[in-house]
Amino acid sequence: MITGVWHGKINRHKVELKIIQKGDSLTGTSYYYQSPNNYRRYSIKGYFDDINQEAVWWDDELLEEKNGRAGLGSPGSIALLSQADFNCPDGGIMKLDGEASLKEDENRPKGKVQLDKTNKPSFYDEWDFVIENFTAGANDPYIIDSVGLIARQPAPVIVQTPVAITPPVIKEKIYPPVVTVQPKAPPVTIAAPPTIEEKFALRQKIPVLEIPVVGDSIELNFYDNAEIDGDSITLFLNDRLIFQHIYLTDKPFTVKLPVSELQQSNELVMVAENLGSIPPNTSFMVAYIGEKRYEARLESNEGISAMIRFVKE
């Protein structure tokens, strides 16, 4: 996923970029910094071309400026528009490489975009919750829009108003003030969200299809069944987790299972990690076994999980 925290440089300035994908659009925030105490923070807008794997975003609104100094050398003093290719060279490394230009005139280039995806932000803000829980329900457009409204609020400005001092009135007898002690509210315990293993154990398994198995291997291809809305799934085979955080799109996620390692009867269970923006979580599975093709529409929600049974002939 392009959603996450990105570190590197844009126009030779150090940058931390937080990107959140909502359908085809991008939102989030950008930090141009020299140090933790010298930076500018912008809200960003943009879009993602899934066919060409290209991201386009621009600095939309200046939200925060800390120890920023006027001048071209100060980080983030000029709002930029960036265009970059989203690629994964190897070993789980993800990169955004491209060009930056002036936001107001994209024909005026300003430098290179060189960013790597990372797991830990240097600047903490409201978007961290969405990024950490994106595959567990925080990809809901309502949540993203709500956090966006909070994140765009400017930092509060504290204005101190002078207070007139009135001389005290001297009385013959002063009584101590009455102090009312309010009982402490009981601590609030927030339950941790269930793990994917707990979801697998608690949800009812609904059989969808039984497929006879022949040959040496099984090839399974998973797609989003309808509109691509952020659905992600986990697969369990015979009560064992085999693949997690499968983001469903119009391109297949392919799983190959060697028949020699299967039991006589096998259960493949699809567990919904989230419900996407259009519940329930639905996927379209195409299985190739020998010379035959099998299709199944798998539906899962917070109460049920779809199950396919493979039986060796």
Protein backbone atom coordinates (compact mmCIF):
# COMPACT_ATOMS: atom_id res chain seq x y z
CA MET A 1 0.00 0.00 0.00
CA ILE A 2 1.08 3.55 -0.66
CA THR A 3 -0.59 4.51 2.64
CA GLY A 4 2.11 5.02 5.28
CA VAL A 5 5.06 7.12 6.42
CA TRP A 6 7.74 8.12 3.89
CA HIS A 7 11.17 9.60 4.64
CA GLY A 8 13.71 11.15 2.30
CA LYS A 9 14.24 14.38 0.37
CA ILE A 10 12.21 16.64 -1.91
CA ASN A 11 14.10 19.47 -3.61
CA ARG A 12 17.14 18.62 -1.44
CA HIS A 13 15.19 19.29 1.79
CA LYS A 14 14.62 16.58 4.36
CA VAL A 15 10.97 15.51 4.32
CA GLU A 16 8.62 13.25 6.27
CA LEU A 17 5.48 12.54 4.26
CA LYS A 18 2.36 10.82 5.60
CA ILE A 19 0.12 9.56 2.79
CA ILE A 20 -3.38 8.15 3.25
CA GLN A 21 -5.20 6.69 0.25
CA LYS A 22 -8.99 7.07 -0.04
CA GLY A 23 -10.14 5.47 -3.26
CA ASP A 24 -8.15 7.19 -6.00
CA SER A 25 -7.41 10.31 -3.94
CA LEU A 26 -4.54 10.99 -1.53
CA THR A 27 -4.50 13.08 1.64
CA GLY A 28 -2.22 13.48 4.64
CA THR A 29 0.56 15.81 5.71
CA SER A 30 4.13 16.80 4.79
CA TYR A 31 6.93 17.97 7.11
CA TYR A 32 9.89 19.88 5.63
CA TYR A 33 12.50 20.04 8.38
CA GLN A 34 16.05 20.77 9.39
CA SER A 35 15.56 19.56 12.98
CA PRO A 36 12.66 18.63 15.31
CA ASN A 37 12.50 22.31 16.29
CA ASN A 38 12.77 23.81 12.80
CA TYR A 39 10.12 22.67 10.33
CA ARG A 40 7.05 23.58 8.31
CA ARG A 41 4.00 21.34 8.11
CA TYR A 42 1.52 21.33 5.20
CA SER A 43 -1.69 19.44 4.56
CA ILE A 44 -1.46 17.61 1.24
CA LYS A 45 -3.91 16.63 -1.48
CA GLY A 46 -3.40 14.44 -4.53
CA TYR A 47 -4.36 11.31 -6.41
CA PHE A 48 -2.97 7.86 -7.22
CA ASP A 49 -2.94 6.32 -10.72
CA ASP A 50 -3.29 2.60 -9.97
CA ILE A 51 -2.66 1.61 -13.61
CA ASN A 52 0.67 3.45 -13.97
CA GLN A 53 1.51 3.20 -10.24
CA GLU A 54 2.14 6.96 -10.13
CA ALA A 55 1.38 9.28 -7.21
CA VAL A 56 0.76 13.02 -7.59
CA TRP A 57 0.39 15.30 -4.55
CA TRP A 58 0.85 18.95 -3.61
CA ASP A 59 1.30 21.05 -0.47
CA ASP A 60 -2.21 22.42 0.02
CA GLU A 61 -2.24 24.53 3.21
CA LEU A 62 0.48 25.61 5.65
CA LEU A 63 -0.66 24.28 9.06
CA GLU A 64 2.32 24.86 11.32
CA GLU A 65 5.62 26.74 11.26
CA LYS A 66 8.17 26.27 14.02
CA ASN A 67 11.26 28.45 14.09
CA GLY A 68 10.88 28.88 10.36
CA ARG A 69 12.88 31.72 8.88
CA ALA A 70 12.14 33.66 5.73
CA GLY A 71 14.31 32.92 2.74
CA LEU A 72 14.74 30.28 0.06
CA GLY A 73 17.00 28.16 2.24
CA SER A 74 14.41 27.62 4.94
CA PRO A 75 12.72 24.18 4.74
CA GLY A 76 9.28 24.23 3.15
CA SER A 77 9.23 27.95 2.38
CA ILE A 78 7.81 27.19 -1.08
CA ALA A 79 4.73 24.99 -1.62
CA LEU A 80 5.56 22.20 -4.08
CA LEU A 81 3.82 19.75 -6.39
CA SER A 82 5.39 16.28 -6.57
CA GLN A 83 5.02 13.45 -9.10
CA ALA A 84 6.62 10.09 -8.32
CA ASP A 85 6.59 6.45 -9.39
CA PHE A 86 5.54 3.98 -6.67
CA ASN A 87 7.81 0.94 -6.94
CA CYS A 88 9.01 -2.00 -4.87
CA PRO A 89 12.53 -3.04 -6.00
CA ASP A 90 12.97 -6.06 -3.68
CA GLY A 91 13.02 -7.28 -0.10
CA GLY A 92 9.93 -5.33 0.98
CA ILE A 93 11.57 -1.96 0.10
CA MET A 94 9.09 0.63 -1.24
CA LYS A 95 10.15 3.84 -2.99
CA LEU A 96 8.68 7.04 -4.43
CA ASP A 97 11.01 8.47 -7.08
CA GLY A 98 10.16 11.44 -9.27
CA GLU A 99 10.26 15.22 -9.73
CA ALA A 100 9.02 18.25 -7.78
CA SER A 101 7.92 21.59 -9.22
CA LEU A 102 6.30 24.78 -8.02
CA LYS A 103 2.73 24.24 -6.89
CA GLU A 104 1.59 27.31 -8.80
CA ASP A 105 3.61 26.49 -11.94
CA GLU A 106 4.35 22.82 -12.57
CA ASN A 107 6.47 23.76 -15.59
CA ARG A 108 9.11 25.17 -13.24
CA PRO A 109 11.05 22.15 -11.87
CA LYS A 110 12.54 22.47 -8.39
CA GLY A 111 14.34 19.16 -7.79
CA LYS A 112 14.12 15.42 -7.21
CA VAL A 113 11.68 13.39 -5.12
CA GLN A 114 13.46 10.51 -3.35
CA LEU A 115 11.42 8.87 -0.56
CA ASP A 116 11.51 5.46 1.17
CA LYS A 117 8.66 3.95 3.13
CA THR A 118 9.32 3.46 6.85
CA ASN A 119 7.46 2.09 9.86
CA LYS A 120 8.20 4.82 12.40
CA PRO A 121 7.38 8.53 12.11
CA SER A 122 9.64 11.27 13.48
CA PHE A 123 6.73 13.73 13.83
CA TYR A 124 3.60 12.52 15.60
CA ASP A 125 0.13 13.81 14.69
CA GLU A 126 -3.50 12.75 14.11
CA TRP A 127 -2.70 10.70 10.98
CA ASP A 128 -0.66 8.12 12.94
CA PHE A 129 -3.87 6.41 14.18
CA VAL A 130 -5.19 6.04 10.61
CA ILE A 131 -1.89 4.66 9.28
CA GLU A 132 -1.43 2.16 12.15
CA ASN A 133 -5.02 0.89 11.88
CA PHE A 134 -5.57 1.29 8.12
CA THR A 135 -6.13 -2.44 7.48
CA ALA A 136 -8.22 -2.81 10.64
CA GLY A 137 -11.03 -0.41 9.75
CA ALA A 138 -9.40 3.04 9.75
CA ASN A 139 -9.53 3.10 5.93
CA ASP A 140 -13.22 4.01 6.28
CA PRO A 141 -13.73 7.28 4.30
CA TYR A 142 -15.74 8.74 7.20
CA ILE A 143 -12.81 8.22 9.59
CA ILE A 144 -10.31 9.65 7.08
CA ASP A 145 -12.45 12.74 6.47
CA SER A 146 -12.99 13.25 10.22
CA VAL A 147 -9.27 13.02 11.01
CA GLY A 148 -8.59 15.36 8.08
CA LEU A 149 -10.82 18.03 9.60
CA ILE A 150 -8.98 17.71 12.92
CA ALA A 151 -5.53 17.72 11.32
CA ARG A 152 -6.27 20.91 9.35
CA GLN A 153 -7.05 22.93 12.47
CA PRO A 154 -4.28 25.53 12.99
CA ALA A 155 -2.29 25.44 16.20
CA PRO A 156 -4.03 27.48 18.92
CA VAL A 157 -2.72 30.98 19.66
CA ILE A 158 -2.69 31.89 23.34
CA VAL A 159 -3.34 35.58 24.03
CA GLN A 160 -2.71 36.82 27.53
CA THR A 161 -5.07 39.59 28.67
CA PRO A 162 -3.87 41.87 31.51
CA VAL A 163 -5.95 41.48 34.65
CA ALA A 164 -6.76 44.49 36.86
CA ILE A 165 -5.73 43.94 40.48
CA THR A 166 -8.27 45.12 43.06
CA PRO A 167 -6.96 45.81 46.58
CA PRO A 168 -8.35 43.34 49.13
CA VAL A 169 -11.14 44.41 51.47
CA ILE A 170 -10.09 44.02 55.10
CA LYS A 171 -12.77 42.48 57.31
CA GLU A 172 -12.80 41.98 61.02
CA LYS A 173 -13.17 38.20 60.73
CA ILE A 174 -12.16 35.97 57.84
CA TYR A 175 -13.68 32.52 57.53
CA PRO A 176 -11.84 29.73 55.70
CA PRO A 177 -13.26 28.85 52.28
CA VAL A 178 -15.45 25.79 51.87
CA VAL A 179 -13.70 23.16 49.78
CA THR A 180 -15.83 20.60 47.97
CA VAL A 181 -14.02 17.38 47.15
CA GLN A 182 -15.34 15.66 44.04
CA PRO A 183 -14.99 11.87 43.97
CA LYS A 184 -12.54 10.62 41.36
CA ALA A 185 -14.08 9.05 38.32
CA PRO A 186 -13.28 5.36 37.90
CA PRO A 187 -10.57 4.64 35.35
CA VAL A 188 -11.81 3.88 31.87
CA THR A 189 -10.48 0.68 30.36
CA ILE A 190 -10.34 0.56 26.59
CA ALA A 191 -10.35 -2.98 25.28
CA ALA A 192 -7.70 -3.79 22.69
CA PRO A 193 -9.09 -4.67 19.25
CA PRO A 194 -9.24 -8.43 18.60
CA THR A 195 -6.31 -10.01 16.79
CA ILE A 196 -6.85 -11.69 13.45
CA GLU A 197 -6.47 -15.09 15.16
CA GLU A 198 -9.28 -14.14 17.59
CA LYS A 199 -11.48 -13.04 14.68
CA PHE A 200 -10.82 -16.38 12.98
CA ALA A 201 -11.73 -18.34 16.11
CA LEU A 202 -14.87 -16.37 17.03
CA ARG A 203 -16.52 -15.98 13.61
CA GLN A 204 -18.76 -18.65 12.09
CA LYS A 205 -17.26 -20.48 9.09
CA ILE A 206 -19.75 -20.62 6.20
CA PRO A 207 -19.01 -23.31 3.53
CA VAL A 208 -19.22 -21.86 0.04
CA LEU A 209 -17.79 -24.49 -2.29
CA GLU A 210 -16.16 -27.94 -2.26
CA ILE A 211 -13.50 -28.50 -4.90
CA PRO A 212 -11.94 -31.87 -5.84
CA VAL A 213 -8.15 -31.81 -5.96
CA VAL A 214 -5.96 -33.53 -8.55
CA GLY A 215 -2.49 -32.90 -9.92
CA ASP A 216 0.54 -31.35 -8.24
CA SER A 217 -0.61 -27.85 -7.25
CA ILE A 218 -3.55 -25.50 -6.74
CA GLU A 219 -3.47 -21.92 -8.02
CA LEU A 220 -5.83 -19.43 -6.33
CA ASN A 221 -6.40 -15.85 -7.50
CA PHE A 222 -8.22 -13.31 -5.32
CA TYR A 223 -9.82 -10.05 -6.59
CA ASP A 224 -12.10 -7.39 -5.15
CA ASN A 225 -15.57 -8.58 -6.15
CA ALA A 226 -17.07 -5.12 -6.81
CA GLU A 227 -15.86 -1.54 -6.46
CA ILE A 228 -12.32 -1.33 -5.08
CA ASP A 229 -13.02 0.11 -1.63
CA GLY A 230 -10.10 -0.88 0.59
CA ASP A 231 -11.07 -4.49 1.43
CA SER A 232 -8.25 -6.54 2.98
CA ILE A 233 -8.33 -10.20 4.03
CA THR A 234 -6.35 -12.92 5.81
CA LEU A 235 -6.24 -16.58 4.72
CA PHE A 236 -6.16 -19.57 7.07
CA LEU A 237 -5.51 -23.11 5.80
CA ASN A 238 -6.46 -25.94 8.18
CA ASP A 239 -6.55 -23.51 11.15
CA ARG A 240 -3.11 -22.09 10.29
CA LEU A 241 -2.52 -18.49 9.12
CA ILE A 242 -0.80 -18.54 5.71
CA PHE A 243 -1.28 -15.00 4.30
CA GLN A 244 -2.18 -11.71 6.01
CA HIS A 245 -2.97 -8.10 4.90
CA ILE A 246 -4.06 -9.07 1.36
CA TYR A 247 -5.30 -5.80 -0.19
CA LEU A 248 -7.96 -6.69 -2.80
CA THR A 249 -7.86 -4.84 -6.13
CA ASP A 250 -8.75 -5.55 -9.76
CA LYS A 251 -5.38 -7.30 -10.09
CA PRO A 252 -5.06 -10.88 -8.77
CA PHE A 253 -3.35 -11.81 -5.54
CA THR A 254 -2.05 -15.28 -6.38
CA VAL A 255 -1.57 -18.17 -3.94
CA LYS A 256 -0.11 -21.54 -4.98
CA LEU A 257 -0.54 -24.59 -2.74
CA PRO A 258 1.44 -27.82 -3.30
CA VAL A 259 -0.97 -30.78 -3.28
CA SER A 260 1.64 -33.04 -1.62
CA GLU A 261 1.46 -30.91 1.57
CA LEU A 262 -2.34 -31.00 1.80
CA GLN A 263 -4.41 -33.33 3.92
CA GLN A 264 -7.18 -35.56 2.52
CA SER A 265 -9.74 -32.84 3.36
CA ASN A 266 -8.67 -29.19 3.70
CA GLU A 267 -10.44 -26.00 4.77
CA LEU A 268 -9.37 -22.59 3.42
CA VAL A 269 -11.01 -19.76 5.40
CA MET A 270 -11.14 -16.09 4.32
CA VAL A 271 -11.28 -13.71 7.31
CA ALA A 272 -12.19 -10.06 6.72
CA GLU A 273 -9.65 -7.69 8.29
CA ASN A 274 -12.00 -4.77 7.60
CA LEU A 275 -15.26 -4.07 5.79
CA GLY A 276 -13.90 -1.46 3.34
CA SER A 277 -16.00 1.57 2.57
CA ILE A 278 -18.82 -0.60 1.12
CA PRO A 279 -19.64 -3.48 3.54
CA PRO A 280 -19.50 -6.43 3.56
CA ASN A 281 -15.98 -7.54 2.61
CA THR A 282 -16.35 -9.45 -0.67
CA SER A 283 -13.75 -11.14 -2.84
CA PHE A 284 -13.90 -13.07 -6.11
CA MET A 285 -11.78 -16.25 -6.14
CA VAL A 286 -10.68 -18.13 -9.27
CA ALA A 287 -9.09 -21.57 -8.71
CA TYR A 288 -7.13 -23.52 -11.32
CA ILE A 289 -6.77 -27.25 -10.56
CA GLY A 290 -5.46 -29.46 -13.31
CA GLU A 291 -7.36 -28.49 -16.47
CA LYS A 292 -10.39 -27.13 -14.61
CA ARG A 293 -11.35 -23.64 -13.47
CA TYR A 294 -13.55 -22.93 -10.45
CA GLU A 295 -15.04 -19.60 -9.38
CA ALA A 296 -16.52 -18.48 -6.05
CA ARG A 297 -17.80 -15.24 -4.54
CA LEU A 298 -16.59 -15.06 -0.92
CA GLU A 299 -18.34 -12.78 1.57
CA SER A 300 -17.16 -12.05 5.13
CA ASN A 301 -18.11 -9.61 7.85
CA GLU A 302 -17.73 -9.22 11.62
CA GLY A 303 -19.83 -12.36 12.23
CA ILE A 304 -18.96 -14.83 9.48
CA SER A 305 -16.00 -16.02 7.43
CA ALA A 306 -16.21 -17.73 4.02
CA MET A 307 -14.77 -21.25 3.75
CA ILE A 308 -13.68 -23.33 0.73
CA ARG A 309 -13.12 -27.10 1.15
CA PHE A 310 -10.51 -28.89 -0.97
CA VAL A 311 -10.79 -32.70 -1.06
CA LYS A 312 -8.21 -34.97 -2.65
CA GLU A 313 -9.67 -37.48 -5.09
